């Protein structure tokens, strides 16, 4: 009888420890996914004197405290490039052009952006993660990873594209 009671207590403890462990792992995964998918405000509008043509810029970015480090406009081709960087050296480029960017067809995944637009997602183009789409002009979001292209998710790039105004 004593062995049965002792065995029952050990089994209960194992079950309780297993439940606590699983709950902890679930909580950690939830918090990680929420932090990874978080978007931050970007307050940037080029000065009218810098713009030789009209284009949109994002209001959301996947990293906190991102700042525009470079902005250039090509007047002949109606091209613009905006470079973003934060204190943690997370880098992104935004390219706007009148000509369609070319990528290897076998690397492209078609994705929906918002309600009525589609774009091309490239998960790894020579280490870069890219989302490209057309909205009057051609837009490209290019993420340069520090460690892995997966640092910025496809969902985050889509959310960033949806924030363009």
C-alpha atoms as a PDB file:
ATOM      1  CA  UNK A   1       0.000   0.000   0.000  1.00  0.00           C
ATOM      2  CA  UNK A   2       2.832   2.400   0.819  1.00  0.00           C
ATOM      3  CA  UNK A   3       4.501   1.737  -2.535  1.00  0.00           C
ATOM      4  CA  UNK A   4       1.263   2.506  -4.385  1.00  0.00           C
ATOM      5  CA  UNK A   5       0.881   5.838  -2.581  1.00  0.00           C
ATOM      6  CA  UNK A   6       4.549   6.747  -3.180  1.00  0.00           C
ATOM      7  CA  UNK A   7       4.258   5.777  -6.846  1.00  0.00           C
ATOM      8  CA  UNK A   8       1.069   7.827  -7.162  1.00  0.00           C
ATOM      9  CA  UNK A   9       2.789  10.917  -5.667  1.00  0.00           C
ATOM     10  CA  UNK A  10       5.758  10.555  -8.060  1.00  0.00           C
ATOM     11  CA  UNK A  11       3.380  10.273 -11.037  1.00  0.00           C
ATOM     12  CA  UNK A  12       1.452  13.377  -9.904  1.00  0.00           C
ATOM     13  CA  UNK A  13       4.703  15.323  -9.580  1.00  0.00           C
ATOM     14  CA  UNK A  14       5.803  14.266 -13.050  1.00  0.00           C
ATOM     15  CA  UNK A  15       2.480  15.360 -14.503  1.00  0.00           C
ATOM     16  CA  UNK A  16       2.590  18.717 -12.691  1.00  0.00           C
ATOM     17  CA  UNK A  17       6.196  19.362 -13.751  1.00  0.00           C
ATOM     18  CA  UNK A  18       5.351  18.402 -17.353  1.00  0.00           C
ATOM     19  CA  UNK A  19       2.347  20.751 -17.444  1.00  0.00           C
ATOM     20  CA  UNK A  20       4.398  23.632 -15.992  1.00  0.00           C
ATOM     21  CA  UNK A  21       7.200  22.976 -18.480  1.00  0.00           C
ATOM     22  CA  UNK A  22       4.821  22.890 -21.460  1.00  0.00           C
ATOM     23  CA  UNK A  23       3.041  26.055 -20.280  1.00  0.00           C
ATOM     24  CA  UNK A  24       6.394  27.838 -19.905  1.00  0.00           C
ATOM     25  CA  UNK A  25       7.536  26.797 -23.379  1.00  0.00           C
ATOM     26  CA  UNK A  26       4.196  27.940 -24.831  1.00  0.00           C
ATOM     27  CA  UNK A  27       4.449  31.319 -23.095  1.00  0.00           C
ATOM     28  CA  UNK A  28       8.024  31.843 -24.311  1.00  0.00           C
ATOM     29  CA  UNK A  29       7.035  30.972 -27.900  1.00  0.00           C
ATOM     30  CA  UNK A  30       4.045  33.344 -27.747  1.00  0.00           C
ATOM     31  CA  UNK A  31       6.093  36.267 -26.406  1.00  0.00           C
ATOM     32  CA  UNK A  32       8.854  35.628 -28.982  1.00  0.00           C
ATOM     33  CA  UNK A  33       6.403  35.544 -31.888  1.00  0.00           C
ATOM     34  CA  UNK A  34       4.671  38.721 -30.669  1.00  0.00           C
ATOM     35  CA  UNK A  35       7.966  40.591 -30.355  1.00  0.00           C
ATOM     36  CA  UNK A  36       9.174  39.304 -33.712  1.00  0.00           C
ATOM     37  CA  UNK A  37       6.025  40.451 -35.489  1.00  0.00           C
ATOM     38  CA  UNK A  38       5.933  43.885 -33.906  1.00  0.00           C
ATOM     39  CA  UNK A  39       6.036  46.947 -36.143  1.00  0.00           C
ATOM     40  CA  UNK A  40       7.305  50.420 -35.246  1.00  0.00           C
ATOM     41  CA  UNK A  41       6.379  53.887 -36.504  1.00  0.00           C
ATOM     42  CA  UNK A  42       8.562  55.626 -39.056  1.00  0.00           C
ATOM     43  CA  UNK A  43       8.029  59.362 -39.364  1.00  0.00           C
ATOM     44  CA  UNK A  44       9.675  60.347 -42.637  1.00  0.00           C
ATOM     45  CA  UNK A  45       8.509  62.438 -45.540  1.00  0.00           C
ATOM     46  CA  UNK A  46      11.026  63.683 -48.097  1.00  0.00           C
ATOM     47  CA  UNK A  47      11.118  67.437 -48.580  1.00  0.00           C
ATOM     48  CA  UNK A  48       9.329  68.650 -51.695  1.00  0.00           C
ATOM     49  CA  UNK A  49      12.634  70.007 -53.008  1.00  0.00           C
ATOM     50  CA  UNK A  50      14.116  66.469 -52.852  1.00  0.00           C
ATOM     51  CA  UNK A  51      11.356  64.897 -54.934  1.00  0.00           C
ATOM     52  CA  UNK A  52      11.450  65.138 -58.714  1.00  0.00           C
ATOM     53  CA  UNK A  53       8.440  62.791 -58.936  1.00  0.00           C
ATOM     54  CA  UNK A  54       5.736  61.529 -56.577  1.00  0.00           C
ATOM     55  CA  UNK A  55       6.106  58.301 -54.611  1.00  0.00           C
ATOM     56  CA  UNK A  56       4.957  56.790 -51.335  1.00  0.00           C
ATOM     57  CA  UNK A  57       7.005  56.098 -48.193  1.00  0.00           C
ATOM     58  CA  UNK A  58       6.348  53.649 -45.327  1.00  0.00           C
ATOM     59  CA  UNK A  59       4.886  54.605 -41.966  1.00  0.00           C
ATOM     60  CA  UNK A  60       5.803  51.267 -40.293  1.00  0.00           C
ATOM     61  CA  UNK A  61       9.124  49.407 -40.036  1.00  0.00           C
ATOM     62  CA  UNK A  62      10.111  46.096 -38.363  1.00  0.00           C
ATOM     63  CA  UNK A  63      12.761  47.636 -36.053  1.00  0.00           C
ATOM     64  CA  UNK A  64      12.576  50.307 -33.387  1.00  0.00           C
ATOM     65  CA  UNK A  65      14.242  53.674 -33.855  1.00  0.00           C
ATOM     66  CA  UNK A  66      14.955  53.263 -37.565  1.00  0.00           C
ATOM     67  CA  UNK A  67      16.196  56.437 -39.176  1.00  0.00           C
ATOM     68  CA  UNK A  68      16.737  57.459 -42.774  1.00  0.00           C
ATOM     69  CA  UNK A  69      20.500  57.509 -43.332  1.00  0.00           C
ATOM     70  CA  UNK A  70      20.487  58.233 -47.038  1.00  0.00           C
ATOM     71  CA  UNK A  71      18.016  59.462 -49.611  1.00  0.00           C
ATOM     72  CA  UNK A  72      18.783  59.818 -53.289  1.00  0.00           C
ATOM     73  CA  UNK A  73      16.699  60.559 -56.375  1.00  0.00           C
ATOM     74  CA  UNK A  74      17.655  59.865 -59.979  1.00  0.00           C
ATOM     75  CA  UNK A  75      15.910  62.425 -62.138  1.00  0.00           C
ATOM     76  CA  UNK A  76      16.309  60.787 -65.552  1.00  0.00           C
ATOM     77  CA  UNK A  77      14.830  57.378 -64.703  1.00  0.00           C
ATOM     78  CA  UNK A  78      12.502  58.592 -61.936  1.00  0.00           C
ATOM     79  CA  UNK A  79      14.232  56.413 -59.356  1.00  0.00           C
ATOM     80  CA  UNK A  80      14.634  56.936 -55.630  1.00  0.00           C
ATOM     81  CA  UNK A  81      16.373  55.013 -52.871  1.00  0.00           C
ATOM     82  CA  UNK A  82      15.880  55.409 -49.136  1.00  0.00           C
ATOM     83  CA  UNK A  83      18.307  53.700 -46.747  1.00  0.00           C
ATOM     84  CA  UNK A  84      17.193  52.913 -43.198  1.00  0.00           C
ATOM     85  CA  UNK A  85      19.352  52.007 -40.187  1.00  0.00           C
ATOM     86  CA  UNK A  86      18.926  51.733 -36.434  1.00  0.00           C
ATOM     87  CA  UNK A  87      21.350  51.663 -33.485  1.00  0.00           C
ATOM     88  CA  UNK A  88      21.514  47.837 -33.654  1.00  0.00           C
ATOM     89  CA  UNK A  89      22.767  48.086 -37.280  1.00  0.00           C
ATOM     90  CA  UNK A  90      19.575  46.664 -38.789  1.00  0.00           C
ATOM     91  CA  UNK A  91      19.624  47.860 -42.402  1.00  0.00           C
ATOM     92  CA  UNK A  92      16.947  48.148 -45.060  1.00  0.00           C
ATOM     93  CA  UNK A  93      16.688  49.859 -48.432  1.00  0.00           C
ATOM     94  CA  UNK A  94      13.549  51.054 -50.177  1.00  0.00           C
ATOM     95  CA  UNK A  95      13.843  51.411 -53.935  1.00  0.00           C
ATOM     96  CA  UNK A  96      11.289  53.151 -56.095  1.00  0.00           C
ATOM     97  CA  UNK A  97      11.609  52.931 -59.865  1.00  0.00           C
ATOM     98  CA  UNK A  98       9.743  53.253 -63.124  1.00  0.00           C
ATOM     99  CA  UNK A  99      11.250  49.958 -64.310  1.00  0.00           C
ATOM    100  CA  UNK A 100      10.414  46.502 -62.996  1.00  0.00           C
ATOM    101  CA  UNK A 101      13.133  44.794 -60.911  1.00  0.00           C
ATOM    102  CA  UNK A 102      14.257  41.395 -62.195  1.00  0.00           C
ATOM    103  CA  UNK A 103      14.726  38.313 -59.994  1.00  0.00           C
ATOM    104  CA  UNK A 104      15.209  34.617 -60.666  1.00  0.00           C
ATOM    105  CA  UNK A 105      11.756  33.138 -61.291  1.00  0.00           C
ATOM    106  CA  UNK A 106      12.367  30.030 -59.157  1.00  0.00           C
ATOM    107  CA  UNK A 107      13.007  32.196 -56.062  1.00  0.00           C
ATOM    108  CA  UNK A 108       9.798  34.264 -56.283  1.00  0.00           C
ATOM    109  CA  UNK A 109       6.744  33.630 -54.128  1.00  0.00           C
ATOM    110  CA  UNK A 110       3.602  35.593 -55.044  1.00  0.00           C
ATOM    111  CA  UNK A 111       2.059  37.275 -51.959  1.00  0.00           C
ATOM    112  CA  UNK A 112      -0.988  39.430 -51.305  1.00  0.00           C
ATOM    113  CA  UNK A 113      -0.405  42.975 -50.061  1.00  0.00           C
ATOM    114  CA  UNK A 114      -3.511  44.561 -48.585  1.00  0.00           C
ATOM    115  CA  UNK A 115      -6.860  43.917 -50.228  1.00  0.00           C
ATOM    116  CA  UNK A 116      -6.136  44.396 -53.890  1.00  0.00           C
ATOM    117  CA  UNK A 117      -2.406  44.252 -54.561  1.00  0.00           C
ATOM    118  CA  UNK A 118       0.097  41.458 -55.091  1.00  0.00           C
ATOM    119  CA  UNK A 119       3.850  41.394 -54.837  1.00  0.00           C
ATOM    120  CA  UNK A 120       6.867  39.150 -55.225  1.00  0.00           C
ATOM    121  CA  UNK A 121       8.569  37.856 -52.082  1.00  0.00           C
ATOM    122  CA  UNK A 122      12.113  36.478 -52.262  1.00  0.00           C
ATOM    123  CA  UNK A 123      13.147  34.811 -49.011  1.00  0.00           C
ATOM    124  CA  UNK A 124      16.860  34.658 -49.832  1.00  0.00           C
ATOM    125  CA  UNK A 125      18.426  36.574 -52.705  1.00  0.00           C
ATOM    126  CA  UNK A 126      22.175  36.420 -52.017  1.00  0.00           C
ATOM    127  CA  UNK A 127      21.410  36.718 -48.312  1.00  0.00           C
ATOM    128  CA  UNK A 128      18.859  39.524 -48.723  1.00  0.00           C
ATOM    129  CA  UNK A 129      15.121  39.260 -48.068  1.00  0.00           C
ATOM    130  CA  UNK A 130      13.058  41.210 -50.627  1.00  0.00           C
ATOM    131  CA  UNK A 131       9.472  42.211 -51.239  1.00  0.00           C
ATOM    132  CA  UNK A 132       8.714  43.899 -54.579  1.00  0.00           C
ATOM    133  CA  UNK A 133       5.387  45.195 -55.935  1.00  0.00           C
ATOM    134  CA  UNK A 134       3.851  47.732 -58.312  1.00  0.00           C
ATOM    135  CA  UNK A 135       1.690  50.644 -57.208  1.00  0.00           C
ATOM    136  CA  UNK A 136       1.985  53.182 -60.066  1.00  0.00           C
ATOM    137  CA  UNK A 137       5.786  52.863 -59.587  1.00  0.00           C
ATOM    138  CA  UNK A 138       7.741  49.719 -58.740  1.00  0.00           C
ATOM    139  CA  UNK A 139       8.691  49.392 -55.070  1.00  0.00           C
ATOM    140  CA  UNK A 140      11.254  47.119 -53.434  1.00  0.00           C
ATOM    141  CA  UNK A 141      11.861  46.536 -49.741  1.00  0.00           C
ATOM    142  CA  UNK A 142      15.297  45.021 -49.231  1.00  0.00           C
ATOM    143  CA  UNK A 143      16.388  43.723 -45.841  1.00  0.00           C
ATOM    144  CA  UNK A 144      20.085  43.083 -45.215  1.00  0.00           C
ATOM    145  CA  UNK A 145      20.297  40.551 -42.377  1.00  0.00           C
ATOM    146  CA  UNK A 146      22.954  40.623 -39.691  1.00  0.00           C
ATOM    147  CA  UNK A 147      22.714  36.882 -39.099  1.00  0.00           C
ATOM    148  CA  UNK A 148      19.897  35.269 -41.037  1.00  0.00           C
ATOM    149  CA  UNK A 149      17.352  36.538 -43.594  1.00  0.00           C
ATOM    150  CA  UNK A 150      14.664  35.159 -41.291  1.00  0.00           C
ATOM    151  CA  UNK A 151      15.260  38.032 -38.801  1.00  0.00           C
ATOM    152  CA  UNK A 152      12.553  39.948 -40.651  1.00  0.00           C
ATOM    153  CA  UNK A 153       9.550  37.826 -41.528  1.00  0.00           C
ATOM    154  CA  UNK A 154       7.575  37.822 -44.749  1.00  0.00           C
ATOM    155  CA  UNK A 155       4.608  39.090 -42.717  1.00  0.00           C
ATOM    156  CA  UNK A 156       6.614  42.061 -41.437  1.00  0.00           C
ATOM    157  CA  UNK A 157       7.678  43.028 -44.953  1.00  0.00           C
ATOM    158  CA  UNK A 158       4.063  42.789 -46.109  1.00  0.00           C
ATOM    159  CA  UNK A 159       2.914  44.928 -43.166  1.00  0.00           C
ATOM    160  CA  UNK A 160       5.587  47.476 -44.035  1.00  0.00           C
ATOM    161  CA  UNK A 161       4.443  47.511 -47.696  1.00  0.00           C
ATOM    162  CA  UNK A 162       0.829  47.988 -46.576  1.00  0.00           C
ATOM    163  CA  UNK A 163       1.854  51.071 -44.560  1.00  0.00           C
ATOM    164  CA  UNK A 164       3.082  53.043 -47.603  1.00  0.00           C
ATOM    165  CA  UNK A 165       1.330  56.416 -48.017  1.00  0.00           C
END
